[in-house]
Every structure is written in structure tokens, then in C-alpha cells.
Protein backbone atom coordinates (compact mmCIF):
# COMPACT_ATOMS: atom_id res chain seq x y z
CA UNK A 1 85.15 92.72 90.59
CA UNK A 2 87.54 94.44 92.87
CA UNK A 3 86.54 96.03 96.44
CA UNK A 4 88.77 96.44 99.56
CA UNK A 5 88.97 98.26 102.86
CA UNK A 6 92.15 99.39 104.21
CA UNK A 7 93.16 101.58 107.67
CA UNK A 8 94.35 105.35 106.46
CA UNK A 9 97.56 104.46 108.66
CA UNK A 10 98.46 101.12 107.37
CA UNK A 11 97.67 102.25 103.64
CA UNK A 12 100.04 105.86 103.98
CA UNK A 13 102.96 103.33 105.48
CA UNK A 14 102.84 101.02 102.14
CA UNK A 15 102.74 104.22 99.87
CA UNK A 16 105.81 105.35 102.21
CA UNK A 17 107.74 102.07 101.85
CA UNK A 18 106.58 101.40 97.87
CA UNK A 19 107.66 104.79 97.03
CA UNK A 20 111.19 104.86 98.31
CA UNK A 21 111.90 102.27 95.49
CA UNK A 22 109.80 103.53 92.43
CA UNK A 23 106.99 105.71 91.66
CA UNK A 24 105.44 103.31 89.46
CA UNK A 25 103.93 100.13 89.84
CA UNK A 26 101.75 97.07 89.22
CA UNK A 27 99.03 96.42 92.24
CA UNK A 28 98.69 92.33 91.68
CA UNK A 29 95.13 91.56 93.12
CA UNK A 30 93.53 88.11 93.68
CA UNK A 31 91.48 86.06 95.84
CA UNK A 32 94.87 85.69 97.87
CA UNK A 33 94.79 89.62 98.68
CA UNK A 34 97.47 92.12 96.48
CA UNK A 35 101.09 91.81 95.62
CA UNK A 36 103.26 94.61 94.68
CA UNK A 37 106.92 94.47 93.63
CA UNK A 38 108.94 97.78 92.82
CA UNK A 39 112.55 97.96 91.65
CA UNK A 40 114.44 100.70 91.37
CA UNK A 41 116.22 102.81 88.43
CA UNK A 42 119.70 101.28 88.87
CA UNK A 43 118.38 97.52 89.72
CA UNK A 44 120.24 98.19 93.65
CA UNK A 45 117.26 97.18 95.52
CA UNK A 46 113.67 95.61 95.54
CA UNK A 47 111.00 95.37 97.61
CA UNK A 48 108.29 92.66 97.58
CA UNK A 49 104.47 94.15 99.66
CA UNK A 50 102.14 91.56 100.45
CA UNK A 51 99.14 91.70 102.27
CA UNK A 52 96.36 88.90 102.96
CA UNK A 53 92.81 89.81 102.95
CA UNK A 54 93.14 89.74 107.01
CA UNK A 55 95.34 92.77 106.54
CA UNK A 56 92.33 94.40 105.05
CA UNK A 57 88.94 95.41 106.76
CA UNK A 58 87.71 93.83 104.11
CA UNK A 59 88.28 92.11 101.24
CA UNK A 60 86.30 91.09 97.87
CA UNK A 61 88.29 90.22 94.79
CA UNK A 62 86.80 87.25 92.63
CA UNK A 63 89.29 87.56 89.73
CA UNK A 64 93.14 88.57 89.03
CA UNK A 65 93.11 92.04 88.54
CA UNK A 66 97.01 93.94 87.83
CA UNK A 67 96.90 97.55 87.80
CA UNK A 68 99.82 100.07 86.65
CA UNK A 69 99.84 102.85 88.32
CA UNK A 70 101.75 106.01 89.87
CA UNK A 71 101.64 106.05 93.58
CA UNK A 72 101.69 109.81 93.79
CA UNK A 73 98.24 109.57 92.36
CA UNK A 74 97.29 106.94 95.12
CA UNK A 75 98.54 109.30 97.77
CA UNK A 76 97.06 112.31 96.81
CA UNK A 77 93.66 111.14 98.20
CA UNK A 78 95.77 110.39 101.44
CA UNK A 79 96.86 113.63 102.79
CA UNK A 80 93.55 114.98 104.28
CA UNK A 81 92.78 111.73 105.71
CA UNK A 82 93.27 110.92 109.42
CA UNK A 83 93.78 107.75 111.21
CA UNK A 84 90.65 107.14 112.21
CA UNK A 85 89.48 106.96 108.28
CA UNK A 86 89.13 104.42 105.95
CA UNK A 87 90.06 103.86 102.00
CA UNK A 88 88.09 101.94 99.95
CA UNK A 89 89.94 100.95 96.96
CA UNK A 90 87.76 99.45 94.27
CA UNK A 91 88.05 98.04 90.86
CA UNK A 92 84.67 97.80 88.54
CA UNK A 93 84.13 98.49 84.89
CA UNK A 94 87.15 99.31 83.50
CA UNK A 95 87.76 101.98 86.57
CA UNK A 96 90.41 101.65 89.74
CA UNK A 97 89.36 104.63 92.21
CA UNK A 98 89.54 105.30 95.85
CA UNK A 99 87.05 106.25 97.88
CA UNK A 100 87.11 107.74 101.29
CA UNK A 101 84.74 111.22 103.18
CA UNK A 102 82.43 110.87 100.45
CA UNK A 103 85.26 111.78 98.19
CA UNK A 104 86.05 109.07 95.29
CA UNK A 105 89.24 109.48 92.59
CA UNK A 106 89.58 107.76 89.75
CA UNK A 107 93.06 107.16 89.21
CA UNK A 108 94.06 106.94 85.74
CA UNK A 109 95.90 103.41 84.93
CA UNK A 110 99.23 103.10 83.14
CA UNK A 111 100.15 101.48 80.36
CA UNK A 112 100.91 97.81 81.82
CA UNK A 113 104.00 97.21 79.43
CA UNK A 114 105.32 100.60 80.32
CA UNK A 115 106.04 99.23 83.99
CA UNK A 116 108.82 97.41 84.92
CA UNK A 117 107.29 93.74 86.18
CA UNK A 118 108.85 91.46 88.26
CA UNK A 119 106.86 88.27 88.55
CA UNK A 120 108.41 86.45 91.42
CA UNK A 121 111.79 87.97 93.82
CA UNK A 122 114.53 85.99 92.78
CA UNK A 123 116.20 83.40 93.82
CA UNK A 124 119.76 83.33 95.67
CA UNK A 125 121.38 80.91 97.84
CA UNK A 126 121.28 82.39 100.61
CA UNK A 127 124.14 81.18 103.99
CA UNK A 128 123.32 82.93 107.26
CA UNK A 129 119.85 84.21 108.25
CA UNK A 130 119.22 85.90 111.78
CA UNK A 131 116.78 88.19 113.55
CA UNK A 132 117.18 91.86 114.80
CA UNK A 133 114.91 92.60 117.72
CA UNK A 134 114.07 95.82 116.23
CA UNK A 135 114.23 97.70 112.71
CA UNK A 136 115.39 101.11 114.67
CA UNK A 137 118.15 99.69 116.00
CA UNK A 138 119.13 99.27 112.24
CA UNK A 139 117.77 102.79 111.01
CA UNK A 140 119.51 104.54 114.49
CA UNK A 141 122.97 103.23 113.64
CA UNK A 142 122.87 104.24 109.36
CA UNK A 143 121.12 108.10 110.53
CA UNK A 144 123.93 108.05 112.64
CA UNK A 145 126.77 107.87 109.71
CA UNK A 146 124.73 111.19 108.01
CA UNK A 147 126.85 111.78 105.34
CA UNK A 148 129.10 108.93 105.00
CA UNK A 149 127.90 107.04 101.88
CA UNK A 150 129.34 103.86 102.37
CA UNK A 151 130.04 100.77 105.29
CA UNK A 152 130.86 97.23 105.34
CA UNK A 153 128.76 94.46 106.86
CA UNK A 154 131.13 91.18 108.48
CA UNK A 155 129.79 88.41 109.22
CA UNK A 156 131.04 85.00 110.16
CA UNK A 157 129.75 82.35 112.45
CA UNK A 158 129.60 83.86 115.59
CA UNK A 159 129.09 87.80 114.57
CA UNK A 160 127.87 90.30 113.01
CA UNK A 161 129.41 94.01 112.89
CA UNK A 162 128.53 96.99 111.13
CA UNK A 163 131.63 99.42 110.28
CA UNK A 164 132.28 102.79 108.40
CA UNK A 165 135.53 102.52 106.38
CA UNK A 166 137.15 105.59 107.94
CA UNK A 167 139.53 103.78 110.99
CA UNK A 168 140.29 107.25 112.27
CA UNK A 169 136.46 108.14 113.04
CA UNK A 170 135.07 104.60 112.66
CA UNK A 171 131.25 104.16 113.67
CA UNK A 172 131.36 100.54 114.34
CA UNK A 173 127.51 98.54 115.70
CA UNK A 174 127.55 95.23 116.98
CA UNK A 175 124.03 93.85 117.31
CA UNK A 176 123.36 91.41 119.98
CA UNK A 177 121.78 88.22 118.12
CA UNK A 178 122.10 84.97 117.18
CA UNK A 179 123.33 83.83 113.60
CA UNK A 180 122.55 80.78 111.72
CA UNK A 181 125.08 80.35 109.52
CA UNK A 182 126.73 77.32 107.12
CA UNK A 183 129.68 75.62 108.50
CA UNK A 184 132.87 78.04 108.26
CA UNK A 185 130.81 81.20 106.59
CA UNK A 186 132.79 84.61 106.63
CA UNK A 187 131.62 87.17 104.49
CA UNK A 188 132.44 90.95 103.78
CA UNK A 189 130.05 93.33 101.94
CA UNK A 190 129.79 96.99 101.37
CA UNK A 191 126.62 98.51 101.05
CA UNK A 192 124.94 101.71 100.54
CA UNK A 193 123.88 103.89 103.10
CA UNK A 194 121.26 105.41 101.34
CA UNK A 195 119.87 102.38 99.80
CA UNK A 196 119.34 100.78 102.79
CA UNK A 197 117.45 103.31 104.79
CA UNK A 198 115.10 103.35 101.69
CA UNK A 199 114.44 100.04 101.58
CA UNK A 200 113.53 100.23 105.37
CA UNK A 201 111.39 103.96 105.05
CA UNK A 202 108.24 101.72 106.22
CA UNK A 203 109.70 100.06 109.15
CA UNK A 204 108.68 101.11 112.49
CA UNK A 205 110.18 99.08 115.69
CA UNK A 206 109.09 95.38 114.16
CA UNK A 207 111.77 92.97 114.44
CA UNK A 208 113.46 92.53 111.19
CA UNK A 209 114.52 89.09 109.81
CA UNK A 210 118.18 89.51 107.64
CA UNK A 211 119.88 87.14 104.77
CA UNK A 212 122.81 87.16 102.99
CA UNK A 213 125.53 85.30 101.83
CA UNK A 214 128.64 85.48 99.07
CA UNK A 215 130.57 88.55 98.38
CA UNK A 216 127.97 88.82 95.18
CA UNK A 217 124.95 87.89 97.16
CA UNK A 218 122.08 90.64 98.32
CA UNK A 219 120.99 91.36 101.74
CA UNK A 220 117.49 90.85 102.59
CA UNK A 221 115.43 92.52 104.85
CA UNK A 222 111.76 90.62 106.03
CA UNK A 223 109.44 92.38 108.35
CA UNK A 224 105.64 92.18 109.65
CA UNK A 225 104.61 95.49 110.09
CA UNK A 226 100.92 94.36 111.32
CA UNK A 227 98.56 91.16 110.72
CA UNK A 228 98.32 90.27 107.12
CA UNK A 229 101.36 92.83 105.96
CA UNK A 230 104.47 91.38 105.27
CA UNK A 231 106.98 93.34 103.17
CA UNK A 232 110.44 91.75 101.83
CA UNK A 233 113.75 93.92 100.54
CA UNK A 234 117.25 93.37 98.40
CA UNK A 235 119.84 95.44 98.33
CA UNK A 236 122.76 94.53 95.95
CA UNK A 237 126.49 95.00 97.34
CA UNK A 238 129.14 97.70 95.98
CA UNK A 239 131.01 95.23 93.82
């Protein structure tokens, strides 16, 4: 049996983040909360969402339920809901449904074997980590690039510099941060602007933790929008 209640603004933000990567996913509910992994079609970015029972208004789940869904079907019922509303998610008698304001919508489940299933985030040898004070700083820089499709990130033991490739009209951002790097670390990677923007679509102004490594290592972004909720995303560099 599963029965969970969540605030509508939070649910909309979770859906926004997941849908920026994939339209289909597996909602993995168990006694510890909800976990979702999504991967885009070209395997360039992936996102993990974790919501502990503390992230819900109420949460009851006595066993694991892995539900394959189309996220747009979940989103439909939230469109007419306001910030003061709450949404109930329930699974009983083989049906997954959403309840709000005396309306109930049954969500048809997809065949789980047809949805890409990523049990865990893949491990990487990260060689630096840092925290950017506000995720808005990253998004503001990327939005400034407008139609510039690619940018580079250079990291050494002292600095992180984001810059575009056109030296004649270069746009550079050097965030004020502290870096924790392995000794003598230095690296430069290229990333696709829209892929990073998409991955960070569910951020607002919360601190953003970054980890990275050698030229083939993805950049990891993680953030906590509210108590009990954690996003972790990976973006592959352009090789």
C-alpha cells in the first residue's frame, strides 16, 4: 500500500526537473521514500531525485512499488491546482492514482521493461569539488550565452573559469568559490549549453554543489531545494 501527500508547488518543481531529461520514468517508492532516475535519449545527461518521507506532507508505504509512468499524465492533474493545494499519490489494488480537490485521476502504468531502468548513479573518479553560492549564478551565465551552443569550463587548483570559445566576443564567468582539488589538478572541458540549462531547470537560488574530474568525467551538480528533497545530475562533456 502506498499513500503520500505532497505540496503542489513542490510536485510541479519535481516534474519540471524530471521532464527536462525524459518523459518516461520509473517511480521507485519504498519505506525510505521516493527515488527516480531519468536519462536522456542520447545518454548525455541524467538526473536522480530522492524524496525522503520528510519531503512529503504525509507518507505511508509498507513495501516497494516500482511504477513506470509517462510524466505528462502526472502533470495534467497539477495544471489547475494552486500553491495552497495538496496532491495525494496512492497505489492500491494495482492502480496508481492522483487525488486533489475531490478529483481523482488514474494514471495508466507503462510496461516497466520498456522504460530505461537505471538502478543507481554510475561511479566516477572525481578530482575536484566545490559549492556555488546560488544556482541562479550558473543559470544567469548560461542564459547570457543566448544562442551560443557550447562553452568551456577550466579548473585548476585555484580557480574555475567558464568561458565561450569566440575570443573576439568572449563571455567569461569566474565564480567566487573555494575549490577542493587533488594535487596539481588542471582540466578543461567543453559542455553543451542547453544540456546544462535543462538539467538545472528545477533549481531556484539554492547552493549548488559541483564535482568533476578528468577530460572524460561528467560534471556532477547536486542541490537540495527543500528539506527531504535532493537532486543529483550528471552532464557529459563534449569529446
